[in-house]
Amino acid sequence: MKFWNFVLNCLIVGIIAFAVGVLVSFLINLILHGTAAVLWGDMFRIAVVVGVMVPLAEYVKLEKKD
């Protein structure tokens, strides 16, 4: 896997993780607390971690396979 493909995979996975996290946070706060609030900082941190770890795990798996 080339470096720019890895970076692109990180961005794509990170954006998807951020969008899903924001939606889940919004719905949980709306249902449980009755407020339409989103925990932006938490969702950003989760998106960064997931965005790096998922492509990295895929890269390690591909390297062990070859």
PDB file of N, CA and C in Angstrom:
ATOM      1  N   MET A   1       0.850  -1.167   0.000  1.00  0.00           N
ATOM      2  CA  MET A   1       0.000   0.000   0.000  1.00  0.00           C
ATOM      3  C   MET A   1       0.898   1.233   0.000  1.00  0.00           C
ATOM      4  N   LYS A   2       0.649   2.102  -0.917  1.00  0.00           N
ATOM      5  CA  LYS A   2       1.440   3.311  -1.016  1.00  0.00           C
ATOM      6  C   LYS A   2       1.002   4.315   0.038  1.00  0.00           C
ATOM      7  N   PHE A   3       1.865   5.260   0.323  1.00  0.00           N
ATOM      8  CA  PHE A   3       1.622   6.225   1.387  1.00  0.00           C
ATOM      9  C   PHE A   3       0.356   7.029   1.141  1.00  0.00           C
ATOM     10  N   TRP A   4       0.151   7.523  -0.066  1.00  0.00           N
ATOM     11  CA  TRP A   4      -1.022   8.370  -0.329  1.00  0.00           C
ATOM     12  C   TRP A   4      -2.310   7.569  -0.306  1.00  0.00           C
ATOM     13  N   ASN A   5      -2.247   6.294  -0.667  1.00  0.00           N
ATOM     14  CA  ASN A   5      -3.434   5.436  -0.523  1.00  0.00           C
ATOM     15  C   ASN A   5      -3.775   5.251   0.954  1.00  0.00           C
ATOM     16  N   PHE A   6      -2.747   5.109   1.781  1.00  0.00           N
ATOM     17  CA  PHE A   6      -2.952   4.987   3.221  1.00  0.00           C
ATOM     18  C   PHE A   6      -3.580   6.264   3.782  1.00  0.00           C
ATOM     19  N   VAL A   7      -3.069   7.412   3.376  1.00  0.00           N
ATOM     20  CA  VAL A   7      -3.614   8.695   3.839  1.00  0.00           C
ATOM     21  C   VAL A   7      -5.056   8.845   3.388  1.00  0.00           C
ATOM     22  N   LEU A   8      -5.351   8.491   2.155  1.00  0.00           N
ATOM     23  CA  LEU A   8      -6.723   8.583   1.643  1.00  0.00           C
ATOM     24  C   LEU A   8      -7.646   7.650   2.409  1.00  0.00           C
ATOM     25  N   ASN A   9      -7.197   6.431   2.695  1.00  0.00           N
ATOM     26  CA  ASN A   9      -8.002   5.499   3.490  1.00  0.00           C
ATOM     27  C   ASN A   9      -8.253   6.046   4.891  1.00  0.00           C
ATOM     28  N   CYS A  10      -7.235   6.661   5.498  1.00  0.00           N
ATOM     29  CA  CYS A  10      -7.406   7.265   6.825  1.00  0.00           C
ATOM     30  C   CYS A  10      -8.454   8.370   6.790  1.00  0.00           C
ATOM     31  N   LEU A  11      -8.401   9.206   5.776  1.00  0.00           N
ATOM     32  CA  LEU A  11      -9.372  10.298   5.662  1.00  0.00           C
ATOM     33  C   LEU A  11     -10.784   9.779   5.459  1.00  0.00           C
ATOM     34  N   ILE A  12     -10.942   8.813   4.589  1.00  0.00           N
ATOM     35  CA  ILE A  12     -12.278   8.273   4.315  1.00  0.00           C
ATOM     36  C   ILE A  12     -12.865   7.616   5.555  1.00  0.00           C
ATOM     37  N   VAL A  13     -12.084   6.761   6.205  1.00  0.00           N
ATOM     38  CA  VAL A  13     -12.565   6.079   7.411  1.00  0.00           C
ATOM     39  C   VAL A  13     -12.828   7.092   8.519  1.00  0.00           C
ATOM     40  N   GLY A  14     -11.964   8.089   8.657  1.00  0.00           N
ATOM     41  CA  GLY A  14     -12.145   9.115   9.673  1.00  0.00           C
ATOM     42  C   GLY A  14     -13.403   9.935   9.462  1.00  0.00           C
ATOM     43  N   ILE A  15     -13.683  10.298   8.230  1.00  0.00           N
ATOM     44  CA  ILE A  15     -14.895  11.072   7.931  1.00  0.00           C
ATOM     45  C   ILE A  15     -16.146  10.245   8.216  1.00  0.00           C
ATOM     46  N   ILE A  16     -16.121   8.987   7.828  1.00  0.00           N
ATOM     47  CA  ILE A  16     -17.273   8.116   8.100  1.00  0.00           C
ATOM     48  C   ILE A  16     -17.461   7.936   9.603  1.00  0.00           C
ATOM     49  N   ALA A  17     -16.363   7.703  10.333  1.00  0.00           N
ATOM     50  CA  ALA A  17     -16.453   7.540  11.792  1.00  0.00           C
ATOM     51  C   ALA A  17     -16.966   8.813  12.448  1.00  0.00           C
ATOM     52  N   PHE A  18     -16.527   9.974  11.967  1.00  0.00           N
ATOM     53  CA  PHE A  18     -16.989  11.243  12.525  1.00  0.00           C
ATOM     54  C   PHE A  18     -18.488  11.437  12.286  1.00  0.00           C
ATOM     55  N   ALA A  19     -18.932  11.153  11.062  1.00  0.00           N
ATOM     56  CA  ALA A  19     -20.354  11.327  10.737  1.00  0.00           C
ATOM     57  C   ALA A  19     -21.232  10.390  11.563  1.00  0.00           C
ATOM     58  N   VAL A  20     -20.835   9.147  11.681  1.00  0.00           N
ATOM     59  CA  VAL A  20     -21.615   8.189  12.468  1.00  0.00           C
ATOM     60  C   VAL A  20     -21.600   8.582  13.945  1.00  0.00           C
ATOM     61  N   GLY A  21     -20.461   8.997  14.453  1.00  0.00           N
ATOM     62  CA  GLY A  21     -20.363   9.408  15.848  1.00  0.00           C
ATOM     63  C   GLY A  21     -21.221  10.621  16.157  1.00  0.00           C
ATOM     64  N   VAL A  22     -21.240  11.592  15.262  1.00  0.00           N
ATOM     65  CA  VAL A  22     -22.076  12.781  15.453  1.00  0.00           C
ATOM     66  C   VAL A  22     -23.545  12.394  15.457  1.00  0.00           C
ATOM     67  N   LEU A  23     -23.939  11.548  14.544  1.00  0.00           N
ATOM     68  CA  LEU A  23     -25.339  11.119  14.477  1.00  0.00           C
ATOM     69  C   LEU A  23     -25.738  10.368  15.748  1.00  0.00           C
ATOM     70  N   VAL A  24     -24.903   9.448  16.201  1.00  0.00           N
ATOM     71  CA  VAL A  24     -25.206   8.686  17.411  1.00  0.00           C
ATOM     72  C   VAL A  24     -25.246   9.605  18.632  1.00  0.00           C
ATOM     73  N   SER A  25     -24.284  10.497  18.746  1.00  0.00           N
ATOM     74  CA  SER A  25     -24.262  11.434  19.866  1.00  0.00           C
ATOM     75  C   SER A  25     -25.501  12.320  19.871  1.00  0.00           C
ATOM     76  N   PHE A  26     -25.887  12.810  18.714  1.00  0.00           N
ATOM     77  CA  PHE A  26     -27.079  13.647  18.601  1.00  0.00           C
ATOM     78  C   PHE A  26     -28.327  12.887  19.035  1.00  0.00           C
ATOM     79  N   LEU A  27     -28.480  11.674  18.525  1.00  0.00           N
ATOM     80  CA  LEU A  27     -29.680  10.897  18.856  1.00  0.00           C
ATOM     81  C   LEU A  27     -29.725  10.494  20.322  1.00  0.00           C
ATOM     82  N   ILE A  28     -28.587  10.116  20.898  1.00  0.00           N
ATOM     83  CA  ILE A  28     -28.566   9.752  22.320  1.00  0.00           C
ATOM     84  C   ILE A  28     -28.929  10.950  23.186  1.00  0.00           C
ATOM     85  N   ASN A  29     -28.343  12.099  22.888  1.00  0.00           N
ATOM     86  CA  ASN A  29     -28.669  13.291  23.672  1.00  0.00           C
ATOM     87  C   ASN A  29     -30.117  13.716  23.473  1.00  0.00           C
ATOM     88  N   LEU A  30     -30.629  13.560  22.277  1.00  0.00           N
ATOM     89  CA  LEU A  30     -32.012  13.930  22.013  1.00  0.00           C
ATOM     90  C   LEU A  30     -32.978  13.002  22.738  1.00  0.00           C
ATOM     91  N   ILE A  31     -32.714  11.711  22.730  1.00  0.00           N
ATOM     92  CA  ILE A  31     -33.615  10.742  23.358  1.00  0.00           C
ATOM     93  C   ILE A  31     -33.498  10.768  24.881  1.00  0.00           C
ATOM     94  N   LEU A  32     -32.274  10.741  25.400  1.00  0.00           N
ATOM     95  CA  LEU A  32     -32.089  10.636  26.848  1.00  0.00           C
ATOM     96  C   LEU A  32     -32.229  11.964  27.592  1.00  0.00           C
ATOM     97  N   HIS A  33     -31.719  13.036  26.988  1.00  0.00           N
ATOM     98  CA  HIS A  33     -31.689  14.308  27.702  1.00  0.00           C
ATOM     99  C   HIS A  33     -32.679  15.335  27.153  1.00  0.00           C
ATOM    100  N   GLY A  34     -33.213  15.094  25.991  1.00  0.00           N
ATOM    101  CA  GLY A  34     -34.165  16.022  25.392  1.00  0.00           C
ATOM    102  C   GLY A  34     -33.523  17.265  24.804  1.00  0.00           C
ATOM    103  N   THR A  35     -32.207  17.258  24.627  1.00  0.00           N
ATOM    104  CA  THR A  35     -31.520  18.396  24.017  1.00  0.00           C
ATOM    105  C   THR A  35     -30.823  17.937  22.743  1.00  0.00           C
ATOM    106  N   ALA A  36     -30.761  18.830  21.784  1.00  0.00           N
ATOM    107  CA  ALA A  36     -30.113  18.508  20.514  1.00  0.00           C
ATOM    108  C   ALA A  36     -28.650  18.932  20.584  1.00  0.00           C
ATOM    109  N   ALA A  37     -27.873  18.229  21.379  1.00  0.00           N
ATOM    110  CA  ALA A  37     -26.462  18.561  21.568  1.00  0.00           C
ATOM    111  C   ALA A  37     -25.580  17.453  21.001  1.00  0.00           C
ATOM    112  N   VAL A  38     -24.412  17.861  20.529  1.00  0.00           N
ATOM    113  CA  VAL A  38     -23.446  16.904  19.991  1.00  0.00           C
ATOM    114  C   VAL A  38     -22.120  17.146  20.699  1.00  0.00           C
ATOM    115  N   LEU A  39     -21.449  16.087  21.073  1.00  0.00           N
ATOM    116  CA  LEU A  39     -20.138  16.192  21.710  1.00  0.00           C
ATOM    117  C   LEU A  39     -19.064  16.224  20.616  1.00  0.00           C
ATOM    118  N   TRP A  40     -18.799  17.416  20.074  1.00  0.00           N
ATOM    119  CA  TRP A  40     -17.924  17.563  18.920  1.00  0.00           C
ATOM    120  C   TRP A  40     -16.500  17.098  19.210  1.00  0.00           C
ATOM    121  N   GLY A  41     -15.967  17.484  20.349  1.00  0.00           N
ATOM    122  CA  GLY A  41     -14.586  17.120  20.681  1.00  0.00           C
ATOM    123  C   GLY A  41     -14.390  15.629  20.801  1.00  0.00           C
ATOM    124  N   ASP A  42     -15.322  14.972  21.472  1.00  0.00           N
ATOM    125  CA  ASP A  42     -15.231  13.518  21.616  1.00  0.00           C
ATOM    126  C   ASP A  42     -15.335  12.826  20.265  1.00  0.00           C
ATOM    127  N   MET A  43     -16.234  13.308  19.429  1.00  0.00           N
ATOM    128  CA  MET A  43     -16.410  12.673  18.116  1.00  0.00           C
ATOM    129  C   MET A  43     -15.179  12.877  17.240  1.00  0.00           C
ATOM    130  N   PHE A  44     -14.549  14.041  17.356  1.00  0.00           N
ATOM    131  CA  PHE A  44     -13.336  14.280  16.573  1.00  0.00           C
ATOM    132  C   PHE A  44     -12.217  13.348  17.015  1.00  0.00           C
ATOM    133  N   ARG A  45     -12.036  13.187  18.341  1.00  0.00           N
ATOM    134  CA  ARG A  45     -10.986  12.293  18.842  1.00  0.00           C
ATOM    135  C   ARG A  45     -11.242  10.853  18.423  1.00  0.00           C
ATOM    136  N   ILE A  46     -12.471  10.399  18.521  1.00  0.00           N
ATOM    137  CA  ILE A  46     -12.809   9.032  18.115  1.00  0.00           C
ATOM    138  C   ILE A  46     -12.566   8.846  16.619  1.00  0.00           C
ATOM    139  N   ALA A  47     -12.935   9.848  15.819  1.00  0.00           N
ATOM    140  CA  ALA A  47     -12.736   9.755  14.374  1.00  0.00           C
ATOM    141  C   ALA A  47     -11.256   9.676  14.017  1.00  0.00           C
ATOM    142  N   VAL A  48     -10.422  10.426  14.712  1.00  0.00           N
ATOM    143  CA  VAL A  48      -8.982  10.381  14.435  1.00  0.00           C
ATOM    144  C   VAL A  48      -8.413   9.010  14.783  1.00  0.00           C
ATOM    145  N   VAL A  49      -8.769   8.488  15.938  1.00  0.00           N
ATOM    146  CA  VAL A  49      -8.248   7.182  16.361  1.00  0.00           C
ATOM    147  C   VAL A  49      -8.721   6.080  15.416  1.00  0.00           C
ATOM    148  N   VAL A  50     -10.015   6.050  15.141  1.00  0.00           N
ATOM    149  CA  VAL A  50     -10.555   5.015  14.240  1.00  0.00           C
ATOM    150  C   VAL A  50     -10.012   5.202  12.828  1.00  0.00           C
ATOM    151  N   GLY A  51      -9.895   6.454  12.395  1.00  0.00           N
ATOM    152  CA  GLY A  51      -9.397   6.743  11.051  1.00  0.00           C
ATOM    153  C   GLY A  51      -7.975   6.297  10.826  1.00  0.00           C
ATOM    154  N   VAL A  52      -7.176   6.249  11.865  1.00  0.00           N
ATOM    155  CA  VAL A  52      -5.788   5.781  11.733  1.00  0.00           C
ATOM    156  C   VAL A  52      -5.689   4.280  11.986  1.00  0.00           C
ATOM    157  N   MET A  53      -6.401   3.785  12.977  1.00  0.00           N
ATOM    158  CA  MET A  53      -6.229   2.386  13.376  1.00  0.00           C
ATOM    159  C   MET A  53      -6.791   1.385  12.362  1.00  0.00           C
ATOM    160  N   VAL A  54      -7.928   1.679  11.766  1.00  0.00           N
ATOM    161  CA  VAL A  54      -8.523   0.718  10.823  1.00  0.00           C
ATOM    162  C   VAL A  54      -7.644   0.533   9.581  1.00  0.00           C
ATOM    163  N   PRO A  55      -7.207   1.599   8.900  1.00  0.00           N
ATOM    164  CA  PRO A  55      -6.303   1.374   7.760  1.00  0.00           C
ATOM    165  C   PRO A  55      -4.959   0.777   8.170  1.00  0.00           C
ATOM    166  N   LEU A  56      -4.479   1.121   9.362  1.00  0.00           N
ATOM    167  CA  LEU A  56      -3.213   0.563   9.822  1.00  0.00           C
ATOM    168  C   LEU A  56      -3.339  -0.942  10.057  1.00  0.00           C
ATOM    169  N   ALA A  57      -4.440  -1.367  10.648  1.00  0.00           N
ATOM    170  CA  ALA A  57      -4.673  -2.802  10.852  1.00  0.00           C
ATOM    171  C   ALA A  57      -4.798  -3.520   9.510  1.00  0.00           C
ATOM    172  N   GLU A  58      -5.454  -2.886   8.560  1.00  0.00           N
ATOM    173  CA  GLU A  58      -5.570  -3.477   7.223  1.00  0.00           C
ATOM    174  C   GLU A  58      -4.199  -3.594   6.566  1.00  0.00           C
ATOM    175  N   TYR A  59      -3.367  -2.574   6.729  1.00  0.00           N
ATOM    176  CA  TYR A  59      -2.018  -2.591   6.167  1.00  0.00           C
ATOM    177  C   TYR A  59      -1.176  -3.711   6.777  1.00  0.00           C
ATOM    178  N   VAL A  60      -1.232  -3.864   8.096  1.00  0.00           N
ATOM    179  CA  VAL A  60      -0.472  -4.920   8.782  1.00  0.00           C
ATOM    180  C   VAL A  60      -0.963  -6.291   8.327  1.00  0.00           C
ATOM    181  N   LYS A  61      -2.268  -6.432   8.185  1.00  0.00           N
ATOM    182  CA  LYS A  61      -2.823  -7.713   7.725  1.00  0.00           C
ATOM    183  C   LYS A  61      -2.348  -8.041   6.307  1.00  0.00           C
ATOM    184  N   LEU A  62      -2.310  -7.057   5.433  1.00  0.00           N
ATOM    185  CA  LEU A  62      -1.829  -7.284   4.065  1.00  0.00           C
ATOM    186  C   LEU A  62      -0.343  -7.611   4.040  1.00  0.00           C
ATOM    187  N   GLU A  63       0.444  -6.972   4.903  1.00  0.00           N
ATOM    188  CA  GLU A  63       1.875  -7.240   4.942  1.00  0.00           C
ATOM    189  C   GLU A  63       2.171  -8.651   5.451  1.00  0.00           C
ATOM    190  N   LYS A  64       1.409  -9.115   6.441  1.00  0.00           N
ATOM    191  CA  LYS A  64       1.619 -10.474   6.951  1.00  0.00           C
ATOM    192  C   LYS A  64       1.196 -11.518   5.933  1.00  0.00           C
ATOM    193  N   LYS A  65       0.218 -11.180   5.112  1.00  0.00           N
ATOM    194  CA  LYS A  65      -0.301 -12.121   4.112  1.00  0.00           C
ATOM    195  C   LYS A  65       0.748 -12.375   3.026  1.00  0.00           C
ATOM    196  N   ASP A  66       1.500 -11.334   2.660  1.00  0.00           N
ATOM    197  CA  ASP A  66       2.482 -11.467   1.577  1.00  0.00           C
ATOM    198  C   ASP A  66       3.745 -12.056   2.039  1.00  0.00           C
TER     199      ASP A  66
END
